[in-house]
């Protein structure tokens, strides 16, 4: 049973990478921002659920897309300044799947926000940081910490 479960988790990570790659490559549509006339300021009176997925219209759309296409692997996502992506993974993501998931997120993030250094922060279901992934565009390398 352990081998079957491990195979399922690997297949799930592979499907996510495939979905992110195909959707990013094929989705070249124009992004429009919804009307946000009353956006709350982030402070003590704002709860976690009130935070937006991006502080730019493009970032908001990408954060929404990440959550929608993750098939339950990512509970929440946010994009800041079009170069930092934070995701909260679900409990069904095993520790062995975190790096492959982060790598696929970096690849999709780079396709949508090209030409800059990027950071992907992966948080556990308890919202504690578990992995920081940095992409250096000059060397085309990904570093994990």
N, C-alpha and C. Protein backbone atom coordinates (compact mmCIF):
# COMPACT_ATOMS: atom_id res chain seq x y z
N UNK A 1 0.82 -1.19 0.00
CA UNK A 1 0.00 0.00 0.00
C UNK A 1 0.87 1.26 0.00
N UNK A 2 2.00 1.21 0.69
CA UNK A 2 2.90 2.36 0.76
C UNK A 2 3.43 2.72 -0.63
N UNK A 3 3.75 1.72 -1.42
CA UNK A 3 4.25 1.96 -2.78
C UNK A 3 3.16 2.57 -3.65
N UNK A 4 1.93 2.11 -3.48
CA UNK A 4 0.81 2.65 -4.24
C UNK A 4 0.56 4.11 -3.87
N UNK A 5 0.64 4.41 -2.58
CA UNK A 5 0.44 5.78 -2.13
C UNK A 5 1.55 6.70 -2.65
N UNK A 6 2.79 6.23 -2.62
CA UNK A 6 3.90 7.02 -3.12
C UNK A 6 3.76 7.25 -4.63
N UNK A 7 3.33 6.24 -5.37
CA UNK A 7 3.10 6.40 -6.80
C UNK A 7 2.02 7.42 -7.09
N UNK A 8 0.97 7.41 -6.26
CA UNK A 8 -0.13 8.36 -6.44
C UNK A 8 0.37 9.79 -6.21
N UNK A 9 1.20 9.99 -5.20
CA UNK A 9 1.72 11.32 -4.91
C UNK A 9 2.64 11.81 -6.02
N UNK A 10 3.46 10.94 -6.53
CA UNK A 10 4.35 11.32 -7.64
C UNK A 10 3.53 11.66 -8.87
N UNK A 11 2.50 10.86 -9.15
CA UNK A 11 1.63 11.13 -10.29
C UNK A 11 0.90 12.46 -10.12
N UNK A 12 0.48 12.77 -8.90
CA UNK A 12 -0.20 14.04 -8.64
C UNK A 12 0.74 15.22 -8.90
N UNK A 13 1.97 15.12 -8.43
CA UNK A 13 2.94 16.19 -8.67
C UNK A 13 3.21 16.34 -10.17
N UNK A 14 3.33 15.23 -10.88
CA UNK A 14 3.57 15.27 -12.32
C UNK A 14 2.40 15.92 -13.05
N UNK A 15 1.17 15.58 -12.65
CA UNK A 15 -0.01 16.17 -13.29
C UNK A 15 -0.04 17.67 -13.04
N UNK A 16 0.31 18.12 -11.84
CA UNK A 16 0.33 19.55 -11.55
C UNK A 16 1.36 20.27 -12.43
N UNK A 17 2.55 19.70 -12.55
CA UNK A 17 3.57 20.29 -13.42
C UNK A 17 3.06 20.36 -14.85
N UNK A 18 2.44 19.30 -15.32
CA UNK A 18 1.92 19.26 -16.68
C UNK A 18 0.83 20.30 -16.88
N UNK A 19 -0.10 20.41 -15.93
CA UNK A 19 -1.19 21.38 -16.02
C UNK A 19 -0.63 22.80 -16.02
N UNK A 20 0.31 23.08 -15.12
CA UNK A 20 0.89 24.42 -15.05
C UNK A 20 1.62 24.76 -16.35
N UNK A 21 2.35 23.81 -16.90
CA UNK A 21 3.11 24.05 -18.13
C UNK A 21 2.18 24.27 -19.31
N UNK A 22 1.20 23.40 -19.48
CA UNK A 22 0.29 23.51 -20.63
C UNK A 22 -0.57 24.76 -20.53
N UNK A 23 -1.13 25.01 -19.35
CA UNK A 23 -2.00 26.17 -19.19
C UNK A 23 -1.23 27.47 -19.37
N UNK A 24 -0.03 27.54 -18.86
CA UNK A 24 0.78 28.74 -19.01
C UNK A 24 1.17 28.94 -20.48
N UNK A 25 1.52 27.88 -21.16
CA UNK A 25 1.93 27.98 -22.56
C UNK A 25 0.77 28.34 -23.47
N UNK A 26 -0.42 27.83 -23.17
CA UNK A 26 -1.57 28.03 -24.05
C UNK A 26 -2.43 29.23 -23.68
N UNK A 27 -2.30 29.74 -22.48
CA UNK A 27 -3.18 30.81 -22.02
C UNK A 27 -2.57 32.17 -22.22
N UNK A 28 -2.65 32.72 -23.40
CA UNK A 28 -2.05 34.02 -23.66
C UNK A 28 -3.07 35.13 -23.74
N UNK A 29 -4.19 35.00 -23.04
CA UNK A 29 -5.25 36.00 -23.10
C UNK A 29 -4.92 37.26 -22.35
N UNK A 30 -5.73 38.29 -22.56
CA UNK A 30 -5.56 39.56 -21.89
C UNK A 30 -6.17 39.48 -20.50
N UNK A 31 -5.47 39.99 -19.53
CA UNK A 31 -5.94 39.97 -18.16
C UNK A 31 -6.56 41.32 -17.85
N UNK A 32 -7.78 41.30 -17.32
CA UNK A 32 -8.44 42.54 -16.91
C UNK A 32 -8.69 42.47 -15.42
N UNK A 33 -8.60 43.61 -14.78
CA UNK A 33 -8.77 43.65 -13.33
C UNK A 33 -10.22 43.97 -12.99
N UNK A 34 -10.78 43.29 -12.00
CA UNK A 34 -12.11 43.65 -11.53
C UNK A 34 -12.06 44.98 -10.79
N UNK A 35 -13.21 45.63 -10.69
CA UNK A 35 -13.30 46.91 -10.01
C UNK A 35 -13.11 46.71 -8.50
N UNK A 36 -12.11 47.37 -7.95
CA UNK A 36 -11.83 47.26 -6.51
C UNK A 36 -11.81 48.67 -5.91
N UNK A 37 -12.97 49.23 -5.73
CA UNK A 37 -13.05 50.58 -5.21
C UNK A 37 -12.85 50.64 -3.70
N UNK A 38 -13.12 49.54 -3.00
CA UNK A 38 -13.01 49.54 -1.54
C UNK A 38 -12.07 48.43 -1.08
N UNK A 39 -10.81 48.54 -1.42
CA UNK A 39 -9.82 47.56 -0.99
C UNK A 39 -9.35 47.89 0.41
N UNK A 40 -9.48 46.94 1.36
CA UNK A 40 -9.06 47.25 2.73
C UNK A 40 -7.54 47.32 2.84
N UNK A 41 -7.07 48.18 3.72
CA UNK A 41 -5.63 48.25 4.00
C UNK A 41 -5.27 47.07 4.90
N UNK A 42 -4.07 46.53 4.71
CA UNK A 42 -3.65 45.40 5.52
C UNK A 42 -3.20 45.93 6.87
N UNK A 43 -3.83 45.46 7.90
CA UNK A 43 -3.50 45.89 9.25
C UNK A 43 -4.13 44.96 10.27
N UNK A 44 -4.27 45.43 11.47
CA UNK A 44 -4.79 44.58 12.54
C UNK A 44 -6.26 44.24 12.36
N UNK A 45 -7.03 45.11 11.69
CA UNK A 45 -8.46 44.89 11.55
C UNK A 45 -8.81 44.02 10.34
N UNK A 46 -7.82 43.60 9.56
CA UNK A 46 -8.07 42.82 8.36
C UNK A 46 -7.72 41.36 8.66
N UNK A 47 -8.67 40.47 8.41
CA UNK A 47 -8.42 39.05 8.66
C UNK A 47 -7.70 38.44 7.47
N UNK A 48 -7.18 37.22 7.67
CA UNK A 48 -6.45 36.51 6.62
C UNK A 48 -7.30 36.36 5.36
N UNK A 49 -8.58 36.06 5.52
CA UNK A 49 -9.46 35.83 4.37
C UNK A 49 -9.67 37.08 3.53
N UNK A 50 -9.45 38.27 4.11
CA UNK A 50 -9.69 39.50 3.39
C UNK A 50 -8.51 39.92 2.52
N UNK A 51 -7.35 39.30 2.70
CA UNK A 51 -6.20 39.67 1.90
C UNK A 51 -6.40 39.25 0.45
N UNK A 52 -5.93 40.04 -0.45
CA UNK A 52 -6.08 39.72 -1.86
C UNK A 52 -4.96 38.82 -2.32
N UNK A 53 -5.15 38.19 -3.48
CA UNK A 53 -4.16 37.27 -4.01
C UNK A 53 -3.04 37.98 -4.75
N UNK A 54 -3.15 39.26 -4.96
CA UNK A 54 -2.10 40.00 -5.64
C UNK A 54 -2.24 41.48 -5.39
N UNK A 55 -1.11 42.19 -5.39
CA UNK A 55 -1.20 43.63 -5.21
C UNK A 55 -1.13 44.37 -6.54
N UNK A 56 -1.22 43.61 -7.63
CA UNK A 56 -1.39 44.18 -8.98
C UNK A 56 -2.47 43.35 -9.67
N UNK A 57 -3.12 43.89 -10.68
CA UNK A 57 -4.14 43.11 -11.37
C UNK A 57 -3.59 41.80 -11.97
N UNK A 58 -2.39 41.86 -12.55
CA UNK A 58 -1.79 40.66 -13.12
C UNK A 58 -1.45 39.65 -12.03
N UNK A 59 -0.92 40.13 -10.93
CA UNK A 59 -0.61 39.26 -9.80
C UNK A 59 -1.85 38.63 -9.21
N UNK A 60 -2.92 39.40 -9.11
CA UNK A 60 -4.20 38.89 -8.61
C UNK A 60 -4.70 37.76 -9.50
N UNK A 61 -4.65 37.96 -10.80
CA UNK A 61 -5.11 36.93 -11.74
C UNK A 61 -4.24 35.68 -11.66
N UNK A 62 -2.92 35.85 -11.54
CA UNK A 62 -2.04 34.70 -11.46
C UNK A 62 -2.27 33.93 -10.16
N UNK A 63 -2.44 34.63 -9.05
CA UNK A 63 -2.73 33.97 -7.78
C UNK A 63 -4.02 33.18 -7.83
N UNK A 64 -5.06 33.77 -8.43
CA UNK A 64 -6.33 33.06 -8.60
C UNK A 64 -6.13 31.81 -9.45
N UNK A 65 -5.39 31.95 -10.54
CA UNK A 65 -5.15 30.84 -11.47
C UNK A 65 -4.39 29.71 -10.78
N UNK A 66 -3.40 30.02 -9.97
CA UNK A 66 -2.62 28.99 -9.28
C UNK A 66 -3.54 28.15 -8.39
N UNK A 67 -4.39 28.80 -7.62
CA UNK A 67 -5.29 28.07 -6.72
C UNK A 67 -6.30 27.24 -7.51
N UNK A 68 -6.86 27.82 -8.56
CA UNK A 68 -7.88 27.12 -9.35
C UNK A 68 -7.32 25.90 -10.07
N UNK A 69 -6.10 25.96 -10.57
CA UNK A 69 -5.55 24.86 -11.37
C UNK A 69 -4.77 23.85 -10.54
N UNK A 70 -4.62 24.08 -9.26
CA UNK A 70 -3.80 23.18 -8.44
C UNK A 70 -4.52 21.90 -8.04
N UNK A 71 -5.79 21.81 -8.31
CA UNK A 71 -6.58 20.61 -7.99
C UNK A 71 -6.50 20.25 -6.51
N UNK A 72 -6.58 21.27 -5.67
CA UNK A 72 -6.61 21.05 -4.24
C UNK A 72 -5.25 20.96 -3.56
N UNK A 73 -4.15 21.00 -4.32
CA UNK A 73 -2.83 20.93 -3.71
C UNK A 73 -2.44 22.25 -3.04
N UNK A 74 -2.98 23.36 -3.55
CA UNK A 74 -2.66 24.68 -3.01
C UNK A 74 -3.95 25.30 -2.49
N UNK A 75 -3.96 25.64 -1.21
CA UNK A 75 -5.14 26.22 -0.58
C UNK A 75 -5.28 27.71 -0.84
N UNK A 76 -4.14 28.40 -0.91
CA UNK A 76 -4.18 29.85 -1.11
C UNK A 76 -2.88 30.29 -1.77
N UNK A 77 -2.91 31.43 -2.42
CA UNK A 77 -1.73 31.97 -3.09
C UNK A 77 -1.82 33.49 -3.10
N UNK A 78 -0.66 34.13 -3.11
CA UNK A 78 -0.61 35.57 -3.26
C UNK A 78 0.63 35.95 -4.08
N UNK A 79 0.52 37.05 -4.80
CA UNK A 79 1.64 37.57 -5.59
C UNK A 79 1.86 39.00 -5.14
N UNK A 80 3.12 39.32 -4.83
CA UNK A 80 3.48 40.68 -4.43
C UNK A 80 4.53 41.22 -5.38
N UNK A 81 4.29 42.41 -5.86
CA UNK A 81 5.22 43.15 -6.72
C UNK A 81 5.63 42.37 -7.98
N UNK A 82 4.80 41.45 -8.41
CA UNK A 82 5.03 40.66 -9.63
C UNK A 82 6.36 39.90 -9.63
N UNK A 83 6.93 39.67 -8.44
CA UNK A 83 8.16 38.87 -8.38
C UNK A 83 8.24 37.98 -7.14
N UNK A 84 7.19 37.96 -6.34
CA UNK A 84 7.16 37.11 -5.15
C UNK A 84 5.81 36.39 -5.10
N UNK A 85 5.89 35.07 -5.08
CA UNK A 85 4.69 34.23 -5.00
C UNK A 85 4.73 33.46 -3.70
N UNK A 86 3.67 33.54 -2.94
CA UNK A 86 3.53 32.75 -1.73
C UNK A 86 2.36 31.80 -1.88
N UNK A 87 2.54 30.55 -1.50
CA UNK A 87 1.47 29.57 -1.60
C UNK A 87 1.34 28.82 -0.27
N UNK A 88 0.11 28.48 0.07
CA UNK A 88 -0.18 27.65 1.23
C UNK A 88 -0.62 26.30 0.68
N UNK A 89 0.17 25.26 0.97
CA UNK A 89 -0.14 23.94 0.44
C UNK A 89 -1.16 23.23 1.33
N UNK A 90 -1.84 22.26 0.77
CA UNK A 90 -2.82 21.49 1.52
C UNK A 90 -2.13 20.35 2.26
N UNK A 91 -2.81 19.75 3.22
CA UNK A 91 -2.22 18.63 3.97
C UNK A 91 -1.91 17.42 3.09
N UNK A 92 -2.54 17.30 1.93
CA UNK A 92 -2.30 16.13 1.08
C UNK A 92 -0.97 16.19 0.32
N UNK A 93 -0.25 17.31 0.40
CA UNK A 93 1.07 17.42 -0.23
C UNK A 93 2.10 16.86 0.75
N UNK A 94 2.81 15.84 0.30
CA UNK A 94 3.81 15.22 1.18
C UNK A 94 5.11 16.03 1.14
N UNK A 95 5.97 15.86 2.13
CA UNK A 95 7.24 16.58 2.15
C UNK A 95 8.09 16.32 0.90
N UNK A 96 8.01 15.13 0.32
CA UNK A 96 8.79 14.82 -0.88
C UNK A 96 8.27 15.56 -2.12
N UNK A 97 7.04 16.02 -2.07
CA UNK A 97 6.44 16.71 -3.21
C UNK A 97 6.64 18.22 -3.19
N UNK A 98 7.14 18.76 -2.08
CA UNK A 98 7.23 20.21 -1.93
C UNK A 98 8.20 20.82 -2.94
N UNK A 99 9.41 20.28 -3.08
CA UNK A 99 10.38 20.85 -4.03
C UNK A 99 9.91 20.75 -5.48
N UNK A 100 9.41 19.58 -5.95
CA UNK A 100 8.91 19.54 -7.33
C UNK A 100 7.76 20.52 -7.56
N UNK A 101 6.89 20.67 -6.57
CA UNK A 101 5.80 21.63 -6.68
C UNK A 101 6.34 23.05 -6.77
N UNK A 102 7.30 23.39 -5.91
CA UNK A 102 7.91 24.73 -5.93
C UNK A 102 8.59 24.99 -7.27
N UNK A 103 9.28 23.98 -7.80
CA UNK A 103 9.96 24.16 -9.09
C UNK A 103 8.95 24.42 -10.21
N UNK A 104 7.84 23.70 -10.22
CA UNK A 104 6.84 23.93 -11.27
C UNK A 104 6.19 25.30 -11.10
N UNK A 105 6.02 25.75 -9.86
CA UNK A 105 5.48 27.09 -9.64
C UNK A 105 6.44 28.16 -10.13
N UNK A 106 7.74 27.97 -9.89
CA UNK A 106 8.75 28.92 -10.39
C UNK A 106 8.69 28.97 -11.92
N UNK A 107 8.58 27.82 -12.57
CA UNK A 107 8.55 27.78 -14.03
C UNK A 107 7.33 28.52 -14.57
N UNK A 108 6.17 28.28 -13.98
CA UNK A 108 4.97 28.98 -14.42
C UNK A 108 5.02 30.46 -14.10
N UNK A 109 5.57 30.80 -12.94
CA UNK A 109 5.70 32.19 -12.52
C UNK A 109 6.62 32.94 -13.47
N UNK A 110 7.72 32.31 -13.86
CA UNK A 110 8.69 32.95 -14.77
C UNK A 110 8.08 33.19 -16.15
N UNK A 111 7.23 32.30 -16.61
CA UNK A 111 6.60 32.48 -17.92
C UNK A 111 5.62 33.64 -17.90
N UNK A 112 4.98 33.89 -16.76
CA UNK A 112 4.03 34.98 -16.65
C UNK A 112 4.66 36.31 -16.26
N UNK A 113 5.82 36.26 -15.61
CA UNK A 113 6.52 37.46 -15.18
C UNK A 113 7.99 37.32 -15.58
N UNK A 114 8.28 37.35 -16.87
CA UNK A 114 9.65 37.09 -17.36
C UNK A 114 10.61 38.24 -17.10
N UNK A 115 11.90 37.89 -17.17
CA UNK A 115 12.95 38.90 -17.14
C UNK A 115 13.30 39.45 -15.78
N UNK A 116 12.99 38.72 -14.72
CA UNK A 116 13.33 39.23 -13.40
C UNK A 116 13.61 38.06 -12.44
N UNK A 117 14.29 38.37 -11.36
CA UNK A 117 14.51 37.38 -10.32
C UNK A 117 13.20 37.17 -9.59
N UNK A 118 12.92 35.90 -9.24
CA UNK A 118 11.64 35.57 -8.62
C UNK A 118 11.86 34.79 -7.32
N UNK A 119 10.89 34.91 -6.43
CA UNK A 119 10.90 34.16 -5.19
C UNK A 119 9.56 33.46 -5.02
N UNK A 120 9.60 32.18 -4.66
CA UNK A 120 8.39 31.43 -4.34
C UNK A 120 8.52 30.95 -2.90
N UNK A 121 7.57 31.35 -2.07
CA UNK A 121 7.54 30.97 -0.67
C UNK A 121 6.45 29.91 -0.49
N UNK A 122 6.82 28.75 0.04
CA UNK A 122 5.86 27.67 0.24
C UNK A 122 5.59 27.56 1.74
N UNK A 123 4.31 27.69 2.10
CA UNK A 123 3.87 27.60 3.48
C UNK A 123 3.10 26.31 3.67
N UNK A 124 3.23 25.73 4.85
CA UNK A 124 2.48 24.53 5.20
C UNK A 124 1.03 24.89 5.47
N UNK A 125 0.19 23.88 5.68
CA UNK A 125 -1.22 24.14 5.99
C UNK A 125 -1.41 24.99 7.24
N UNK A 126 -0.43 24.97 8.14
CA UNK A 126 -0.48 25.79 9.35
C UNK A 126 0.04 27.21 9.12
N UNK A 127 0.33 27.52 7.86
CA UNK A 127 0.81 28.84 7.42
C UNK A 127 2.19 29.18 7.95
N UNK A 128 2.99 28.15 8.24
CA UNK A 128 4.39 28.32 8.63
C UNK A 128 5.26 28.10 7.40
N UNK A 129 6.23 28.98 7.17
CA UNK A 129 7.11 28.87 6.01
C UNK A 129 7.92 27.58 6.08
N UNK A 130 7.86 26.78 4.99
CA UNK A 130 8.62 25.54 4.97
C UNK A 130 9.69 25.51 3.87
N UNK A 131 9.56 26.37 2.85
CA UNK A 131 10.56 26.37 1.78
C UNK A 131 10.56 27.73 1.08
N UNK A 132 11.76 28.24 0.84
CA UNK A 132 11.93 29.45 0.03
C UNK A 132 12.68 29.04 -1.23
N UNK A 133 12.11 29.38 -2.37
CA UNK A 133 12.70 29.03 -3.66
C UNK A 133 13.01 30.32 -4.39
N UNK A 134 14.26 30.48 -4.82
CA UNK A 134 14.65 31.69 -5.53
C UNK A 134 15.16 31.35 -6.92
N UNK A 135 14.65 32.09 -7.91
CA UNK A 135 15.06 31.92 -9.29
C UNK A 135 15.92 33.12 -9.69
N UNK A 136 17.11 32.84 -10.18
CA UNK A 136 18.03 33.88 -10.65
C UNK A 136 17.98 33.88 -12.17
N UNK A 137 17.45 34.94 -12.75
CA UNK A 137 17.28 34.98 -14.21
C UNK A 137 18.62 35.05 -14.94
N UNK A 138 19.64 35.63 -14.33
CA UNK A 138 20.95 35.75 -14.98
C UNK A 138 21.60 34.39 -15.19
N UNK A 139 21.44 33.50 -14.21
CA UNK A 139 22.06 32.17 -14.31
C UNK A 139 21.04 31.09 -14.67
N UNK A 140 19.76 31.44 -14.65
CA UNK A 140 18.68 30.51 -14.93
C UNK A 140 18.70 29.34 -13.93
N UNK A 141 19.08 29.63 -12.69
CA UNK A 141 19.20 28.62 -11.64
C UNK A 141 18.15 28.84 -10.57
N UNK A 142 17.74 27.72 -9.94
CA UNK A 142 16.79 27.75 -8.84
C UNK A 142 17.54 27.31 -7.59
N UNK A 143 17.38 28.08 -6.51
CA UNK A 143 17.99 27.72 -5.23
C UNK A 143 16.90 27.55 -4.20
N UNK A 144 17.07 26.53 -3.35
CA UNK A 144 16.11 26.22 -2.29
C UNK A 144 16.74 26.49 -0.93
N UNK A 145 15.96 27.04 -0.03
CA UNK A 145 16.44 27.22 1.34
C UNK A 145 15.28 27.12 2.32
